Amino acid sequence: MAKSGKATCGRDWYWNGCANRVEQGLEVSLIGVVDVEAQTGYALSAQQTFAQKDLPDLTRMDQYLYHLDTMRCELPPSVKYLAVDGAYAKENFITGAVQLELHVISKLRCDANLRWLYMGEQKPRGRRRKYDGKVELSHQERLTFVETLRPGVDLYTATVFHVSLKRTIRLAYPLNRSNPTKPRFVVLFSTDVEQDPLEIYRLYSLRFQVEFLFRDAKQFTGLADCQARDCVKLEFHFNASFTALNLAKIEAHQQHHAGTPLTFSMASMKRRALNEHLLERFISNLDLSPSVIKAHPNYEKLRNYGMIAA
């Protein structure tokens, strides 16, 4: 996040994925939980990343892992998988997360250094053979077909060894053949080698619900508007911003009618709150009967007037 002021805690050079370059400002690490059935994310804890000069003995990845370690006990017992961006696919972070009893789901580079596991017969003498050559991700001949996700997009899988991560992983390989001359693919993986590749694909897609938390918090709850310089005050502001977003989602869930998919829009929530405030002001200033007005069949239409996802 953009932030000026030389005395601001944590101000440093960080990678900005939107701008695709390194920029000066603040960085916030967020741990969130996602309701898989409702496909909705909630913020659990936001922590500011310290500048490298303030913690010279720790890498950024060490700070992220420390944040995860401190919050592991706060996660629901049913949480077994951690879906993260491909930037977290580093050996120290993956190993640390697995030690916290969390299987990691993430994304690999298209040129990741992978090895096929040798499944053939071993020789009676000598060292046992472990690997059967390098995995060429641009070729799908040795991958196992799972199913067709949608027309033109097929899902493949394989169990391979990742050299840099120093562990065996399960691949989920969506291949898009909508353009036959230039097929495109993404390499997803899980440290749980027994996991269903379709579930890997689905859970990684839900990771973007946490990304939406940043979007909505910046647009509607003032995530990037704090003028404080102290790290404690900044971190309090970040968590307060995400908490306000959580409360709005809970209210939307409580007002949701069963049988229809929940579509959350923070802009619509703010619009409804404004409509309710105006209706209350009209009732009060015009000496109207609240029970008569609120019992009218068109009252709900007025509450939802102007909503994007009414």
C-alpha atoms as a PDB file:
ATOM      1  CA  MET A   1       0.000   0.000   0.000  1.00  0.00           C
ATOM      2  CA  ALA A   2       1.230   3.468  -0.837  1.00  0.00           C
ATOM      3  CA  LYS A   3       2.390   5.391   2.251  1.00  0.00           C
ATOM      4  CA  SER A   4       4.512   8.517   2.552  1.00  0.00           C
ATOM      5  CA  GLY A   5       6.655   9.649   5.477  1.00  0.00           C
ATOM      6  CA  LYS A   6      10.214   8.654   6.279  1.00  0.00           C
ATOM      7  CA  ALA A   7       9.298   7.964   9.924  1.00  0.00           C
ATOM      8  CA  THR A   8       6.458   5.547   9.077  1.00  0.00           C
ATOM      9  CA  CYS A   9       7.051   2.120  10.606  1.00  0.00           C
ATOM     10  CA  GLY A  10       7.605  -0.667   8.081  1.00  0.00           C
ATOM     11  CA  ARG A  11       7.971   1.567   5.039  1.00  0.00           C
ATOM     12  CA  ASP A  12      10.180  -0.246   2.547  1.00  0.00           C
ATOM     13  CA  TRP A  13      10.338  -1.520  -1.021  1.00  0.00           C
ATOM     14  CA  TYR A  14       7.774  -4.267  -1.692  1.00  0.00           C
ATOM     15  CA  TRP A  15       6.545  -6.126  -4.741  1.00  0.00           C
ATOM     16  CA  ASN A  16       3.271  -4.758  -6.131  1.00  0.00           C
ATOM     17  CA  GLY A  17       1.518  -7.449  -8.141  1.00  0.00           C
ATOM     18  CA  CYS A  18      -0.998  -5.000  -9.652  1.00  0.00           C
ATOM     19  CA  ALA A  19       1.744  -2.730 -10.996  1.00  0.00           C
ATOM     20  CA  ASN A  20       4.062  -5.697 -11.672  1.00  0.00           C
ATOM     21  CA  ARG A  21       7.031  -3.903 -10.110  1.00  0.00           C
ATOM     22  CA  VAL A  22       8.678  -3.057  -6.785  1.00  0.00           C
ATOM     23  CA  GLU A  23       7.240   0.040  -5.091  1.00  0.00           C
ATOM     24  CA  GLN A  24       7.819   1.892  -1.845  1.00  0.00           C
ATOM     25  CA  GLY A  25       5.124   1.704   0.810  1.00  0.00           C
ATOM     26  CA  LEU A  26       3.679  -0.708   3.388  1.00  0.00           C
ATOM     27  CA  GLU A  27       2.875  -4.406   3.177  1.00  0.00           C
ATOM     28  CA  VAL A  28       0.169  -6.257   5.092  1.00  0.00           C
ATOM     29  CA  SER A  29       0.064 -10.028   5.553  1.00  0.00           C
ATOM     30  CA  LEU A  30      -3.468 -11.383   5.992  1.00  0.00           C
ATOM     31  CA  ILE A  31      -4.619 -14.770   7.257  1.00  0.00           C
ATOM     32  CA  GLY A  32      -8.216 -15.457   6.328  1.00  0.00           C
ATOM     33  CA  VAL A  33     -10.658 -18.341   6.440  1.00  0.00           C
ATOM     34  CA  VAL A  34     -12.947 -19.241   3.546  1.00  0.00           C
ATOM     35  CA  ASP A  35     -16.391 -20.775   3.833  1.00  0.00           C
ATOM     36  CA  VAL A  36     -16.079 -23.374   1.083  1.00  0.00           C
ATOM     37  CA  GLU A  37     -19.818 -23.949   0.702  1.00  0.00           C
ATOM     38  CA  ALA A  38     -20.763 -20.255   0.612  1.00  0.00           C
ATOM     39  CA  GLN A  39     -17.538 -19.340  -1.233  1.00  0.00           C
ATOM     40  CA  THR A  40     -17.003 -16.362   1.065  1.00  0.00           C
ATOM     41  CA  GLY A  41     -13.785 -15.266   2.773  1.00  0.00           C
ATOM     42  CA  TYR A  42     -13.379 -13.708   6.221  1.00  0.00           C
ATOM     43  CA  ALA A  43     -10.315 -11.956   7.620  1.00  0.00           C
ATOM     44  CA  LEU A  44      -8.811 -13.516  10.740  1.00  0.00           C
ATOM     45  CA  SER A  45      -5.602 -11.567  11.358  1.00  0.00           C
ATOM     46  CA  ALA A  46      -3.684  -8.812   9.584  1.00  0.00           C
ATOM     47  CA  GLN A  47      -0.032  -8.196  10.374  1.00  0.00           C
ATOM     48  CA  GLN A  48       2.225  -5.496   9.000  1.00  0.00           C
ATOM     49  CA  THR A  49       5.513  -6.584   7.445  1.00  0.00           C
ATOM     50  CA  PHE A  50       8.541  -4.922   9.016  1.00  0.00           C
ATOM     51  CA  ALA A  51      11.182  -3.237   6.885  1.00  0.00           C
ATOM     52  CA  GLN A  52      14.277  -5.309   6.185  1.00  0.00           C
ATOM     53  CA  LYS A  53      16.524  -2.833   8.017  1.00  0.00           C
ATOM     54  CA  ASP A  54      14.451  -3.265  11.201  1.00  0.00           C
ATOM     55  CA  LEU A  55      14.813  -7.070  11.201  1.00  0.00           C
ATOM     56  CA  PRO A  56      18.062  -7.775   9.328  1.00  0.00           C
ATOM     57  CA  ASP A  57      18.315 -11.357  10.613  1.00  0.00           C
ATOM     58  CA  LEU A  58      14.875 -12.367   9.324  1.00  0.00           C
ATOM     59  CA  THR A  59      13.683 -12.720   5.760  1.00  0.00           C
ATOM     60  CA  ARG A  60      10.219 -11.663   4.654  1.00  0.00           C
ATOM     61  CA  MET A  61       9.264 -15.325   4.440  1.00  0.00           C
ATOM     62  CA  ASP A  62      10.311 -15.756   8.088  1.00  0.00           C
ATOM     63  CA  GLN A  63       7.904 -12.975   9.053  1.00  0.00           C
ATOM     64  CA  TYR A  64       5.040 -14.597   7.136  1.00  0.00           C
ATOM     65  CA  LEU A  65       5.738 -17.949   8.762  1.00  0.00           C
ATOM     66  CA  TYR A  66       5.870 -16.362  12.221  1.00  0.00           C
ATOM     67  CA  HIS A  67       2.466 -14.794  11.573  1.00  0.00           C
ATOM     68  CA  LEU A  68       1.065 -18.186  10.585  1.00  0.00           C
ATOM     69  CA  ASP A  69       2.639 -19.825  13.641  1.00  0.00           C
ATOM     70  CA  THR A  70       1.104 -17.314  16.062  1.00  0.00           C
ATOM     71  CA  MET A  71      -2.359 -17.690  14.521  1.00  0.00           C
ATOM     72  CA  ARG A  72      -2.402 -21.478  14.066  1.00  0.00           C
ATOM     73  CA  CYS A  73      -4.136 -22.034  17.411  1.00  0.00           C
ATOM     74  CA  GLU A  74      -6.873 -19.560  16.411  1.00  0.00           C
ATOM     75  CA  LEU A  75      -7.811 -21.434  13.240  1.00  0.00           C
ATOM     76  CA  PRO A  76     -10.864 -23.716  13.404  1.00  0.00           C
ATOM     77  CA  PRO A  77      -9.945 -27.385  14.011  1.00  0.00           C
ATOM     78  CA  SER A  78     -11.492 -28.322  10.666  1.00  0.00           C
ATOM     79  CA  VAL A  79      -8.912 -26.222   8.763  1.00  0.00           C
ATOM     80  CA  LYS A  80      -6.338 -28.581   7.257  1.00  0.00           C
ATOM     81  CA  TYR A  81      -5.317 -26.778   4.060  1.00  0.00           C
ATOM     82  CA  LEU A  82      -3.531 -23.482   3.495  1.00  0.00           C
ATOM     83  CA  ALA A  83      -4.012 -21.956   0.027  1.00  0.00           C
ATOM     84  CA  VAL A  84      -1.351 -19.349  -0.739  1.00  0.00           C
ATOM     85  CA  ASP A  85       0.042 -17.376  -3.643  1.00  0.00           C
ATOM     86  CA  GLY A  86       2.825 -18.865  -5.730  1.00  0.00           C
ATOM     87  CA  ALA A  87       5.302 -16.457  -4.091  1.00  0.00           C
ATOM     88  CA  TYR A  88       5.018 -18.561  -0.899  1.00  0.00           C
ATOM     89  CA  ALA A  89       6.122 -21.747  -2.683  1.00  0.00           C
ATOM     90  CA  LYS A  90       9.511 -21.688  -0.943  1.00  0.00           C
ATOM     91  CA  GLU A  91      11.086 -24.586   0.935  1.00  0.00           C
ATOM     92  CA  ASN A  92      11.289 -22.881   4.337  1.00  0.00           C
ATOM     93  CA  PHE A  93       7.678 -21.670   4.264  1.00  0.00           C
ATOM     94  CA  ILE A  94       6.266 -24.967   2.962  1.00  0.00           C
ATOM     95  CA  THR A  95       8.220 -26.971   5.547  1.00  0.00           C
ATOM     96  CA  GLY A  96       7.144 -24.639   8.351  1.00  0.00           C
ATOM     97  CA  ALA A  97       3.478 -24.813   7.356  1.00  0.00           C
ATOM     98  CA  VAL A  98       3.544 -28.619   7.169  1.00  0.00           C
ATOM     99  CA  GLN A  99       5.124 -28.721  10.637  1.00  0.00           C
ATOM    100  CA  LEU A 100       2.099 -26.720  11.821  1.00  0.00           C
ATOM    101  CA  GLU A 101      -0.094 -29.545  10.450  1.00  0.00           C
ATOM    102  CA  LEU A 102      -1.302 -27.541   7.473  1.00  0.00           C
ATOM    103  CA  HIS A 103      -1.076 -28.944   3.958  1.00  0.00           C
ATOM    104  CA  VAL A 104      -0.149 -26.207   1.487  1.00  0.00           C
ATOM    105  CA  ILE A 105      -1.939 -25.603  -1.812  1.00  0.00           C
ATOM    106  CA  SER A 106      -0.148 -23.206  -4.128  1.00  0.00           C
ATOM    107  CA  LYS A 107       1.057 -22.520  -7.660  1.00  0.00           C
ATOM    108  CA  LEU A 108       4.360 -23.380  -9.354  1.00  0.00           C
ATOM    109  CA  ARG A 109       6.300 -21.697 -12.116  1.00  0.00           C
ATOM    110  CA  CYS A 110       5.893 -23.191 -15.572  1.00  0.00           C
ATOM    111  CA  ASP A 111       9.598 -24.141 -15.478  1.00  0.00           C
ATOM    112  CA  ALA A 112       9.578 -25.707 -11.997  1.00  0.00           C
ATOM    113  CA  ASN A 113      12.270 -28.327 -11.385  1.00  0.00           C
ATOM    114  CA  LEU A 114      10.294 -31.567 -10.959  1.00  0.00           C
ATOM    115  CA  ARG A 115      11.237 -35.246 -11.156  1.00  0.00           C
ATOM    116  CA  TRP A 116       9.119 -38.241 -12.053  1.00  0.00           C
ATOM    117  CA  LEU A 117       9.011 -40.889  -9.338  1.00  0.00           C
ATOM    118  CA  TYR A 118      10.403 -44.248 -10.437  1.00  0.00           C
ATOM    119  CA  MET A 119       7.686 -46.896 -10.091  1.00  0.00           C
ATOM    120  CA  GLY A 120       9.414 -49.760 -11.921  1.00  0.00           C
ATOM    121  CA  GLU A 121      11.178 -52.844 -10.651  1.00  0.00           C
ATOM    122  CA  GLN A 122      14.337 -52.249  -8.629  1.00  0.00           C
ATOM    123  CA  LYS A 123      17.635 -54.005  -9.317  1.00  0.00           C
ATOM    124  CA  PRO A 124      18.640 -56.651  -6.778  1.00  0.00           C
ATOM    125  CA  ARG A 125      21.921 -54.876  -6.053  1.00  0.00           C
ATOM    126  CA  GLY A 126      23.009 -51.269  -5.712  1.00  0.00           C
ATOM    127  CA  ARG A 127      21.260 -48.114  -4.681  1.00  0.00           C
ATOM    128  CA  ARG A 128      17.509 -48.011  -5.148  1.00  0.00           C
ATOM    129  CA  ARG A 129      16.371 -45.868  -8.052  1.00  0.00           C
ATOM    130  CA  LYS A 130      14.152 -42.959  -6.936  1.00  0.00           C
ATOM    131  CA  TYR A 131      13.480 -40.867 -10.023  1.00  0.00           C
ATOM    132  CA  ASP A 132      12.593 -41.452 -13.644  1.00  0.00           C
ATOM    133  CA  GLY A 133      13.684 -38.275 -15.395  1.00  0.00           C
ATOM    134  CA  LYS A 134      12.764 -34.608 -15.420  1.00  0.00           C
ATOM    135  CA  VAL A 135       9.131 -33.508 -15.778  1.00  0.00           C
ATOM    136  CA  GLU A 136       8.532 -31.486 -18.942  1.00  0.00           C
ATOM    137  CA  LEU A 137       5.484 -29.432 -18.022  1.00  0.00           C
ATOM    138  CA  SER A 138       4.831 -28.447 -21.627  1.00  0.00           C
ATOM    139  CA  HIS A 139       4.092 -32.107 -22.446  1.00  0.00           C
ATOM    140  CA  GLN A 140       1.100 -33.954 -20.995  1.00  0.00           C
ATOM    141  CA  GLU A 141       1.813 -37.499 -22.199  1.00  0.00           C
ATOM    142  CA  ARG A 142       2.752 -38.855 -18.757  1.00  0.00           C
ATOM    143  CA  LEU A 143       0.099 -36.931 -16.848  1.00  0.00           C
ATOM    144  CA  THR A 144      -3.122 -38.650 -15.767  1.00  0.00           C
ATOM    145  CA  PHE A 145      -6.366 -37.232 -17.123  1.00  0.00           C
ATOM    146  CA  VAL A 146      -8.904 -36.426 -14.380  1.00  0.00           C
ATOM    147  CA  GLU A 147     -11.916 -34.765 -16.014  1.00  0.00           C
ATOM    148  CA  THR A 148     -13.056 -31.904 -18.216  1.00  0.00           C
ATOM    149  CA  LEU A 149     -13.601 -28.768 -16.128  1.00  0.00           C
ATOM    150  CA  ARG A 150     -15.452 -26.945 -18.892  1.00  0.00           C
ATOM    151  CA  PRO A 151     -15.425 -27.082 -22.703  1.00  0.00           C
ATOM    152  CA  GLY A 152     -11.821 -26.762 -23.844  1.00  0.00           C
ATOM    153  CA  VAL A 153     -10.303 -27.046 -20.341  1.00  0.00           C
ATOM    154  CA  ASP A 154      -9.086 -30.428 -19.057  1.00  0.00           C
ATOM    155  CA  LEU A 155      -7.607 -31.283 -15.667  1.00  0.00           C
ATOM    156  CA  TYR A 156      -4.589 -33.593 -15.341  1.00  0.00           C
ATOM    157  CA  THR A 157      -2.663 -34.817 -12.323  1.00  0.00           C
ATOM    158  CA  ALA A 158       0.530 -36.586 -11.276  1.00  0.00           C
ATOM    159  CA  THR A 159       2.583 -37.299  -8.175  1.00  0.00           C
ATOM    160  CA  VAL A 160       6.112 -35.919  -8.589  1.00  0.00           C
ATOM    161  CA  PHE A 161       9.145 -34.846  -6.575  1.00  0.00           C
ATOM    162  CA  HIS A 162       9.909 -31.122  -6.292  1.00  0.00           C
ATOM    163  CA  VAL A 163      13.666 -30.579  -6.122  1.00  0.00           C
ATOM    164  CA  SER A 164      13.605 -27.131  -4.470  1.00  0.00           C
ATOM    165  CA  LEU A 165      10.863 -27.984  -1.976  1.00  0.00           C
ATOM    166  CA  LYS A 166      12.595 -31.314  -1.229  1.00  0.00           C
ATOM    167  CA  ARG A 167       9.319 -33.238  -1.049  1.00  0.00           C
ATOM    168  CA  THR A 168       6.820 -35.251  -3.051  1.00  0.00           C
ATOM    169  CA  ILE A 169       3.765 -33.272  -4.148  1.00  0.00           C
ATOM    170  CA  ARG A 170       0.488 -33.811  -5.968  1.00  0.00           C
ATOM    171  CA  LEU A 171       0.009 -31.770  -9.142  1.00  0.00           C
ATOM    172  CA  ALA A 172      -3.255 -30.350 -10.457  1.00  0.00           C
ATOM    173  CA  TYR A 173      -2.683 -29.307 -14.064  1.00  0.00           C
ATOM    174  CA  PRO A 174      -5.541 -27.410 -15.800  1.00  0.00           C
ATOM    175  CA  LEU A 175      -4.891 -27.286 -19.561  1.00  0.00           C
ATOM    176  CA  ASN A 176      -6.780 -24.774 -21.702  1.00  0.00           C
ATOM    177  CA  ARG A 177      -7.058 -25.859 -25.350  1.00  0.00           C
ATOM    178  CA  SER A 178      -9.522 -23.164 -26.440  1.00  0.00           C
ATOM    179  CA  ASN A 179      -6.756 -21.885 -28.718  1.00  0.00           C
ATOM    180  CA  PRO A 180      -5.345 -25.056 -30.365  1.00  0.00           C
ATOM    181  CA  THR A 181      -2.271 -23.238 -31.680  1.00  0.00           C
ATOM    182  CA  LYS A 182      -1.293 -21.954 -28.234  1.00  0.00           C
ATOM    183  CA  PRO A 183      -2.562 -24.125 -25.351  1.00  0.00           C
ATOM    184  CA  ARG A 184      -2.161 -22.622 -21.882  1.00  0.00           C
ATOM    185  CA  PHE A 185      -1.665 -24.372 -18.561  1.00  0.00           C
ATOM    186  CA  VAL A 186      -1.280 -23.648 -14.854  1.00  0.00           C
ATOM    187  CA  VAL A 187       0.663 -25.842 -12.428  1.00  0.00           C
ATOM    188  CA  LEU A 188      -1.051 -26.125  -9.043  1.00  0.00           C
ATOM    189  CA  PHE A 189       0.154 -28.425  -6.294  1.00  0.00           C
ATOM    190  CA  SER A 190      -0.609 -29.728  -2.830  1.00  0.00           C
ATOM    191  CA  THR A 191       1.717 -31.187  -0.210  1.00  0.00           C
ATOM    192  CA  ASP A 192      -1.025 -33.757   0.464  1.00  0.00           C
ATOM    193  CA  VAL A 193      -0.207 -36.383  -2.150  1.00  0.00           C
ATOM    194  CA  GLU A 194      -3.515 -38.180  -1.485  1.00  0.00           C
ATOM    195  CA  GLN A 195      -5.658 -35.113  -2.150  1.00  0.00           C
ATOM    196  CA  ASP A 196      -8.150 -35.128  -5.008  1.00  0.00           C
ATOM    197  CA  PRO A 197      -6.738 -32.923  -7.826  1.00  0.00           C
ATOM    198  CA  LEU A 198     -10.214 -31.496  -8.436  1.00  0.00           C
ATOM    199  CA  GLU A 199     -10.288 -30.353  -4.808  1.00  0.00           C
ATOM    200  CA  ILE A 200      -6.835 -28.765  -5.234  1.00  0.00           C
ATOM    201  CA  TYR A 201      -8.147 -26.798  -8.198  1.00  0.00           C
ATOM    202  CA  ARG A 202     -11.301 -25.759  -6.346  1.00  0.00           C
ATOM    203  CA  LEU A 203      -9.565 -24.718  -3.113  1.00  0.00           C
ATOM    204  CA  TYR A 204      -6.882 -22.740  -4.929  1.00  0.00           C
ATOM    205  CA  SER A 205      -9.596 -20.885  -6.840  1.00  0.00           C
ATOM    206  CA  LEU A 206     -11.223 -19.960  -3.515  1.00  0.00           C
ATOM    207  CA  ARG A 207      -7.952 -18.321  -2.460  1.00  0.00           C
ATOM    208  CA  PHE A 208      -9.049 -15.268  -4.406  1.00  0.00           C
ATOM    209  CA  GLN A 209     -11.824 -14.702  -1.850  1.00  0.00           C
ATOM    210  CA  VAL A 210      -9.036 -13.487   0.450  1.00  0.00           C
ATOM    211  CA  GLU A 211      -7.771 -11.223  -2.333  1.00  0.00           C
ATOM    212  CA  PHE A 212     -11.262  -9.723  -2.531  1.00  0.00           C
ATOM    213  CA  LEU A 213     -10.965  -8.770   1.148  1.00  0.00           C
ATOM    214  CA  PHE A 214      -8.112  -6.411   0.254  1.00  0.00           C
ATOM    215  CA  ARG A 215     -10.118  -4.965  -2.634  1.00  0.00           C
ATOM    216  CA  ASP A 216     -13.237  -4.289  -0.563  1.00  0.00           C
ATOM    217  CA  ALA A 217     -11.285  -3.026   2.453  1.00  0.00           C
ATOM    218  CA  LYS A 218      -9.416  -0.513   0.295  1.00  0.00           C
ATOM    219  CA  GLN A 219     -12.579   0.685  -1.436  1.00  0.00           C
ATOM    220  CA  PHE A 220     -15.065   0.779   1.436  1.00  0.00           C
ATOM    221  CA  THR A 221     -13.530   0.447   4.929  1.00  0.00           C
ATOM    222  CA  GLY A 222     -10.486   2.707   4.672  1.00  0.00           C
ATOM    223  CA  LEU A 223      -7.702   0.126   4.721  1.00  0.00           C
ATOM    224  CA  ALA A 224      -5.197   2.495   3.085  1.00  0.00           C
ATOM    225  CA  ASP A 225      -6.417   5.702   4.762  1.00  0.00           C
ATOM    226  CA  CYS A 226      -4.587   5.515   8.106  1.00  0.00           C
ATOM    227  CA  GLN A 227      -2.384   8.549   8.849  1.00  0.00           C
ATOM    228  CA  ALA A 228      -0.563   6.983  11.822  1.00  0.00           C
ATOM    229  CA  ARG A 229       3.153   6.193  11.735  1.00  0.00           C
ATOM    230  CA  ASP A 230       3.461   3.827  14.709  1.00  0.00           C
ATOM    231  CA  CYS A 231       3.383   0.118  13.842  1.00  0.00           C
ATOM    232  CA  VAL A 232       0.926  -0.742  16.660  1.00  0.00           C
ATOM    233  CA  LYS A 233      -1.536   1.934  15.549  1.00  0.00           C
ATOM    234  CA  LEU A 234      -1.169   0.935  11.907  1.00  0.00           C
ATOM    235  CA  GLU A 235      -1.787  -2.732  12.652  1.00  0.00           C
ATOM    236  CA  PHE A 236      -4.825  -1.860  14.776  1.00  0.00           C
ATOM    237  CA  HIS A 237      -6.227   0.177  11.893  1.00  0.00           C
ATOM    238  CA  PHE A 238      -5.676  -2.647   9.393  1.00  0.00           C
ATOM    239  CA  ASN A 239      -7.467  -5.179  11.609  1.00  0.00           C
ATOM    240  CA  ALA A 240     -10.305  -2.729  12.333  1.00  0.00           C
ATOM    241  CA  SER A 241     -10.799  -2.222   8.594  1.00  0.00           C
ATOM    242  CA  PHE A 242     -11.025  -5.967   7.938  1.00  0.00           C
ATOM    243  CA  THR A 243     -13.279  -6.471  10.983  1.00  0.00           C
ATOM    244  CA  ALA A 244     -15.770  -3.936   9.621  1.00  0.00           C
ATOM    245  CA  LEU A 245     -15.820  -5.923   6.394  1.00  0.00           C
ATOM    246  CA  ASN A 246     -16.403  -9.169   8.316  1.00  0.00           C
ATOM    247  CA  LEU A 247     -19.367  -7.634  10.160  1.00  0.00           C
ATOM    248  CA  ALA A 248     -20.892  -6.509   6.874  1.00  0.00           C
ATOM    249  CA  LYS A 249     -20.573 -10.043   5.478  1.00  0.00           C
ATOM    250  CA  ILE A 250     -22.164 -11.540   8.592  1.00  0.00           C
ATOM    251  CA  GLU A 251     -25.080  -9.117   8.300  1.00  0.00           C
ATOM    252  CA  ALA A 252     -25.472  -9.990   4.614  1.00  0.00           C
ATOM    253  CA  HIS A 253     -25.479 -13.686   5.529  1.00  0.00           C
ATOM    254  CA  GLN A 254     -28.164 -13.142   8.203  1.00  0.00           C
ATOM    255  CA  GLN A 255     -30.372 -11.240   5.753  1.00  0.00           C
ATOM    256  CA  HIS A 256     -29.867 -13.806   3.011  1.00  0.00           C
ATOM    257  CA  HIS A 257     -32.857 -15.925   2.009  1.00  0.00           C
ATOM    258  CA  ALA A 258     -32.196 -19.657   1.925  1.00  0.00           C
ATOM    259  CA  GLY A 259     -32.403 -21.392  -1.417  1.00  0.00           C
ATOM    260  CA  THR A 260     -30.640 -18.688  -3.406  1.00  0.00           C
ATOM    261  CA  PRO A 261     -26.870 -18.187  -3.766  1.00  0.00           C
ATOM    262  CA  LEU A 262     -25.375 -15.494  -1.531  1.00  0.00           C
ATOM    263  CA  THR A 263     -23.952 -12.619  -3.564  1.00  0.00           C
ATOM    264  CA  PHE A 264     -22.057 -10.160  -1.378  1.00  0.00           C
ATOM    265  CA  SER A 265     -21.548  -6.571  -2.451  1.00  0.00           C
ATOM    266  CA  MET A 266     -20.113  -4.035  -0.015  1.00  0.00           C
ATOM    267  CA  ALA A 267     -21.455  -1.208  -2.186  1.00  0.00           C
ATOM    268  CA  SER A 268     -24.949  -2.674  -1.847  1.00  0.00           C
ATOM    269  CA  MET A 269     -24.559  -3.026   1.918  1.00  0.00           C
ATOM    270  CA  LYS A 270     -23.650   0.646   2.204  1.00  0.00           C
ATOM    271  CA  ARG A 271     -26.549   1.583  -0.046  1.00  0.00           C
ATOM    272  CA  ARG A 272     -29.006  -0.395   2.083  1.00  0.00           C
ATOM    273  CA  ALA A 273     -27.681   1.205   5.283  1.00  0.00           C
ATOM    274  CA  LEU A 274     -28.172   4.654   3.743  1.00  0.00           C
ATOM    275  CA  ASN A 275     -31.703   3.759   2.613  1.00  0.00           C
ATOM    276  CA  GLU A 276     -32.596   2.508   6.099  1.00  0.00           C
ATOM    277  CA  HIS A 277     -31.213   5.694   7.645  1.00  0.00           C
ATOM    278  CA  LEU A 278     -33.231   7.881   5.257  1.00  0.00           C
ATOM    279  CA  LEU A 279     -36.421   5.908   5.899  1.00  0.00           C
ATOM    280  CA  GLU A 280     -35.942   6.260   9.650  1.00  0.00           C
ATOM    281  CA  ARG A 281     -35.439  10.007   9.219  1.00  0.00           C
ATOM    282  CA  PHE A 282     -38.601  10.291   7.103  1.00  0.00           C
ATOM    283  CA  ILE A 283     -40.629   8.332   9.663  1.00  0.00           C
ATOM    284  CA  SER A 284     -39.298  10.448  12.529  1.00  0.00           C
ATOM    285  CA  ASN A 285     -39.535  13.895  10.926  1.00  0.00           C
ATOM    286  CA  LEU A 286     -42.943  13.326   9.325  1.00  0.00           C
ATOM    287  CA  ASP A 287     -44.447  11.744  12.479  1.00  0.00           C
ATOM    288  CA  LEU A 288     -45.344   8.563  10.614  1.00  0.00           C
ATOM    289  CA  SER A 289     -46.193   5.269  12.260  1.00  0.00           C
ATOM    290  CA  PRO A 290     -43.109   2.973  12.093  1.00  0.00           C
ATOM    291  CA  SER A 291     -45.213  -0.196  12.334  1.00  0.00           C
ATOM    292  CA  VAL A 292     -47.461   0.853   9.460  1.00  0.00           C
ATOM    293  CA  ILE A 293     -44.571   1.923   7.222  1.00  0.00           C
ATOM    294  CA  LYS A 294     -42.420  -1.158   7.891  1.00  0.00           C
ATOM    295  CA  ALA A 295     -45.377  -3.502   7.424  1.00  0.00           C
ATOM    296  CA  HIS A 296     -46.089  -2.099   3.966  1.00  0.00           C
ATOM    297  CA  PRO A 297     -45.212  -4.588   1.161  1.00  0.00           C
ATOM    298  CA  ASN A 298     -43.122  -1.967  -0.647  1.00  0.00           C
ATOM    299  CA  TYR A 299     -40.914  -1.229   2.370  1.00  0.00           C
ATOM    300  CA  GLU A 300     -38.368  -3.871   1.345  1.00  0.00           C
ATOM    301  CA  LYS A 301     -38.219  -2.398  -2.142  1.00  0.00           C
ATOM    302  CA  LEU A 302     -37.302   0.972  -0.654  1.00  0.00           C
ATOM    303  CA  ARG A 303     -34.650  -0.617   1.606  1.00  0.00           C
ATOM    304  CA  ASN A 304     -33.063  -2.316  -1.397  1.00  0.00           C
ATOM    305  CA  TYR A 305     -33.405   0.610  -3.803  1.00  0.00           C
ATOM    306  CA  GLY A 306     -30.231   1.113  -5.813  1.00  0.00           C
ATOM    307  CA  MET A 307     -28.545  -2.097  -4.632  1.00  0.00           C
ATOM    308  CA  ILE A 308     -26.280  -3.950  -7.032  1.00  0.00           C
ATOM    309  CA  ALA A 309     -27.073  -7.375  -5.578  1.00  0.00           C
ATOM    310  CA  ALA A 310     -30.525  -6.896  -4.063  1.00  0.00           C
END
